[in-house]
Amino acid sequence: TQSTGIVHVVKALIRLLKSKRETQVIVLTNITTMSAKHRKLFEQHMKSFYVNASDPTNVRLLKLEILTNIATETKHRCPAPGVPDVRVQLRQGLRRRHRPRYRQMCRRDIGGY
């Protein structure tokens, strides 16, 4: 069925995030576009978009945008059991990172922080 095919595509995209940095940027750019319209497809893969200390700024910004797209729908309710609260991860990233653009996007996306 069509939904089974989409699930396979999403899994393949998530797997590609472990590729070379150039590939990762292309995949993240496409996931950013897809997650804006189809949030539910990526909710179960939320951890894949957490920012790592070794991520360059462009990758961090793409991951933040994806997390924002995914979290927007569930922003005002507690996460389901086993699903981490994205806002907590964004706040932790905001505290640890000193890049002005990253801090600005975090403030915009989690609001009031």
C-alpha atoms as a PDB file:
ATOM      1  CA  THR A   1       0.000   0.000   0.000  1.00  0.00           C
ATOM      2  CA  GLN A   2       0.928   3.632  -0.283  1.00  0.00           C
ATOM      3  CA  SER A   3       1.393   4.165   3.473  1.00  0.00           C
ATOM      4  CA  THR A   4       3.740   1.174   3.684  1.00  0.00           C
ATOM      5  CA  GLY A   5       5.817   2.677   0.883  1.00  0.00           C
ATOM      6  CA  ILE A   6       6.014   5.998   2.703  1.00  0.00           C
ATOM      7  CA  VAL A   7       7.167   4.274   5.892  1.00  0.00           C
ATOM      8  CA  HIS A   8       9.974   2.610   3.937  1.00  0.00           C
ATOM      9  CA  VAL A   9      10.986   5.954   2.432  1.00  0.00           C
ATOM     10  CA  VAL A  10      11.077   7.611   5.871  1.00  0.00           C
ATOM     11  CA  LYS A  11      13.208   4.785   7.288  1.00  0.00           C
ATOM     12  CA  ALA A  12      15.594   5.067   4.340  1.00  0.00           C
ATOM     13  CA  LEU A  13      15.908   8.818   4.862  1.00  0.00           C
ATOM     14  CA  ILE A  14      16.660   8.317   8.557  1.00  0.00           C
ATOM     15  CA  ARG A  15      19.312   5.739   7.655  1.00  0.00           C
ATOM     16  CA  LEU A  16      20.894   8.207   5.222  1.00  0.00           C
ATOM     17  CA  LEU A  17      21.453  10.648   8.088  1.00  0.00           C
ATOM     18  CA  LYS A  18      24.412   8.472   9.060  1.00  0.00           C
ATOM     19  CA  SER A  19      26.076   9.087   5.690  1.00  0.00           C
ATOM     20  CA  LYS A  20      28.650  11.710   4.745  1.00  0.00           C
ATOM     21  CA  ARG A  21      27.984  15.274   5.831  1.00  0.00           C
ATOM     22  CA  GLU A  22      27.074  16.411   2.306  1.00  0.00           C
ATOM     23  CA  THR A  23      24.460  13.673   2.019  1.00  0.00           C
ATOM     24  CA  GLN A  24      23.198  14.469   5.505  1.00  0.00           C
ATOM     25  CA  VAL A  25      22.553  18.113   4.563  1.00  0.00           C
ATOM     26  CA  ILE A  26      20.614  17.134   1.438  1.00  0.00           C
ATOM     27  CA  VAL A  27      18.531  14.574   3.359  1.00  0.00           C
ATOM     28  CA  LEU A  28      17.848  16.995   6.224  1.00  0.00           C
ATOM     29  CA  THR A  29      16.775  19.677   3.754  1.00  0.00           C
ATOM     30  CA  ASN A  30      14.258  17.276   2.212  1.00  0.00           C
ATOM     31  CA  ILE A  31      13.045  16.074   5.604  1.00  0.00           C
ATOM     32  CA  THR A  32      12.548  19.700   6.652  1.00  0.00           C
ATOM     33  CA  THR A  33      10.213  20.209   3.707  1.00  0.00           C
ATOM     34  CA  MET A  34       8.409  16.921   4.271  1.00  0.00           C
ATOM     35  CA  SER A  35       8.009  17.414   8.038  1.00  0.00           C
ATOM     36  CA  ALA A  36       6.323  20.771   7.498  1.00  0.00           C
ATOM     37  CA  LYS A  37       3.404  19.029   5.783  1.00  0.00           C
ATOM     38  CA  HIS A  38       3.571  15.512   7.249  1.00  0.00           C
ATOM     39  CA  ARG A  39       4.561  15.866  10.908  1.00  0.00           C
ATOM     40  CA  LYS A  40       3.345  12.437  11.975  1.00  0.00           C
ATOM     41  CA  LEU A  41       5.739  10.644   9.612  1.00  0.00           C
ATOM     42  CA  PHE A  42       8.779  11.737  11.608  1.00  0.00           C
ATOM     43  CA  GLU A  43       7.486  11.823  15.202  1.00  0.00           C
ATOM     44  CA  GLN A  44       8.789   8.367  16.057  1.00  0.00           C
ATOM     45  CA  HIS A  45      12.244   9.312  14.738  1.00  0.00           C
ATOM     46  CA  MET A  46      12.541  12.453  16.831  1.00  0.00           C
ATOM     47  CA  LYS A  47      15.812  11.395  18.468  1.00  0.00           C
ATOM     48  CA  SER A  48      17.449  11.239  15.050  1.00  0.00           C
ATOM     49  CA  PHE A  49      17.119  15.008  14.842  1.00  0.00           C
ATOM     50  CA  TYR A  50      18.651  15.875  18.199  1.00  0.00           C
ATOM     51  CA  VAL A  51      21.587  18.204  17.832  1.00  0.00           C
ATOM     52  CA  ASN A  52      24.998  16.692  18.469  1.00  0.00           C
ATOM     53  CA  ALA A  53      28.013  18.640  19.699  1.00  0.00           C
ATOM     54  CA  SER A  54      29.871  17.760  16.500  1.00  0.00           C
ATOM     55  CA  ASP A  55      27.126  19.023  14.154  1.00  0.00           C
ATOM     56  CA  PRO A  56      28.031  22.073  12.063  1.00  0.00           C
ATOM     57  CA  THR A  57      25.739  25.098  12.309  1.00  0.00           C
ATOM     58  CA  ASN A  58      23.860  24.389   9.059  1.00  0.00           C
ATOM     59  CA  VAL A  59      23.016  20.851  10.237  1.00  0.00           C
ATOM     60  CA  ARG A  60      21.985  22.149  13.666  1.00  0.00           C
ATOM     61  CA  LEU A  61      19.638  24.663  12.099  1.00  0.00           C
ATOM     62  CA  LEU A  62      18.040  22.041   9.856  1.00  0.00           C
ATOM     63  CA  LYS A  63      17.572  19.660  12.784  1.00  0.00           C
ATOM     64  CA  LEU A  64      16.079  22.448  14.868  1.00  0.00           C
ATOM     65  CA  GLU A  65      13.645  23.278  12.082  1.00  0.00           C
ATOM     66  CA  ILE A  66      12.594  19.618  11.811  1.00  0.00           C
ATOM     67  CA  LEU A  67      12.144  19.323  15.576  1.00  0.00           C
ATOM     68  CA  THR A  68      10.069  22.489  15.510  1.00  0.00           C
ATOM     69  CA  ASN A  69       7.889  21.120  12.709  1.00  0.00           C
ATOM     70  CA  ILE A  70       7.366  17.866  14.572  1.00  0.00           C
ATOM     71  CA  ALA A  71       6.779  19.494  17.957  1.00  0.00           C
ATOM     72  CA  THR A  72       4.394  22.206  16.777  1.00  0.00           C
ATOM     73  CA  GLU A  73       1.413  19.891  16.771  1.00  0.00           C
ATOM     74  CA  THR A  74       2.084  18.592  20.303  1.00  0.00           C
ATOM     75  CA  LYS A  75       3.645  21.746  21.734  1.00  0.00           C
ATOM     76  CA  HIS A  76       1.112  22.321  24.494  1.00  0.00           C
ATOM     77  CA  ARG A  77       0.668  18.794  25.790  1.00  0.00           C
ATOM     78  CA  CYS A  78       2.907  16.342  27.576  1.00  0.00           C
ATOM     79  CA  PRO A  79       4.747  13.888  25.357  1.00  0.00           C
ATOM     80  CA  ALA A  80       3.579  10.311  25.153  1.00  0.00           C
ATOM     81  CA  PRO A  81       5.422   7.812  27.371  1.00  0.00           C
ATOM     82  CA  GLY A  82       8.849   7.117  25.935  1.00  0.00           C
ATOM     83  CA  VAL A  83       8.803  10.183  23.671  1.00  0.00           C
ATOM     84  CA  PRO A  84      11.154  12.900  24.947  1.00  0.00           C
ATOM     85  CA  ASP A  85       9.912  16.455  25.258  1.00  0.00           C
ATOM     86  CA  VAL A  86      11.483  18.376  22.373  1.00  0.00           C
ATOM     87  CA  ARG A  87      11.313  21.645  24.269  1.00  0.00           C
ATOM     88  CA  VAL A  88      13.625  20.255  26.944  1.00  0.00           C
ATOM     89  CA  GLN A  89      16.156  19.220  24.300  1.00  0.00           C
ATOM     90  CA  LEU A  90      15.969  22.630  22.645  1.00  0.00           C
ATOM     91  CA  ARG A  91      16.512  24.410  25.970  1.00  0.00           C
ATOM     92  CA  GLN A  92      19.508  22.212  26.753  1.00  0.00           C
ATOM     93  CA  GLY A  93      20.939  23.004  23.341  1.00  0.00           C
ATOM     94  CA  LEU A  94      20.328  26.688  23.930  1.00  0.00           C
ATOM     95  CA  ARG A  95      22.267  26.597  27.189  1.00  0.00           C
ATOM     96  CA  ARG A  96      25.206  24.693  25.722  1.00  0.00           C
ATOM     97  CA  ARG A  97      25.646  26.537  22.487  1.00  0.00           C
ATOM     98  CA  HIS A  98      26.869  30.048  22.050  1.00  0.00           C
ATOM     99  CA  ARG A  99      26.051  30.518  18.380  1.00  0.00           C
ATOM    100  CA  PRO A 100      23.773  33.563  18.077  1.00  0.00           C
ATOM    101  CA  ARG A 101      21.672  32.234  15.183  1.00  0.00           C
ATOM    102  CA  TYR A 102      21.040  28.936  16.989  1.00  0.00           C
ATOM    103  CA  ARG A 103      20.004  30.769  20.170  1.00  0.00           C
ATOM    104  CA  GLN A 104      17.731  33.071  18.165  1.00  0.00           C
ATOM    105  CA  MET A 105      15.978  30.129  16.464  1.00  0.00           C
ATOM    106  CA  CYS A 106      15.579  28.290  19.769  1.00  0.00           C
ATOM    107  CA  ARG A 107      13.990  31.311  21.368  1.00  0.00           C
ATOM    108  CA  ARG A 108      11.645  31.728  18.418  1.00  0.00           C
ATOM    109  CA  ASP A 109      10.691  28.058  18.343  1.00  0.00           C
ATOM    110  CA  ILE A 110      10.182  27.347  22.034  1.00  0.00           C
ATOM    111  CA  GLY A 111       8.862  30.794  22.842  1.00  0.00           C
ATOM    112  CA  GLY A 112       9.223  32.715  26.040  1.00  0.00           C
ATOM    113  CA  TYR A 113      12.553  31.245  26.975  1.00  0.00           C
END
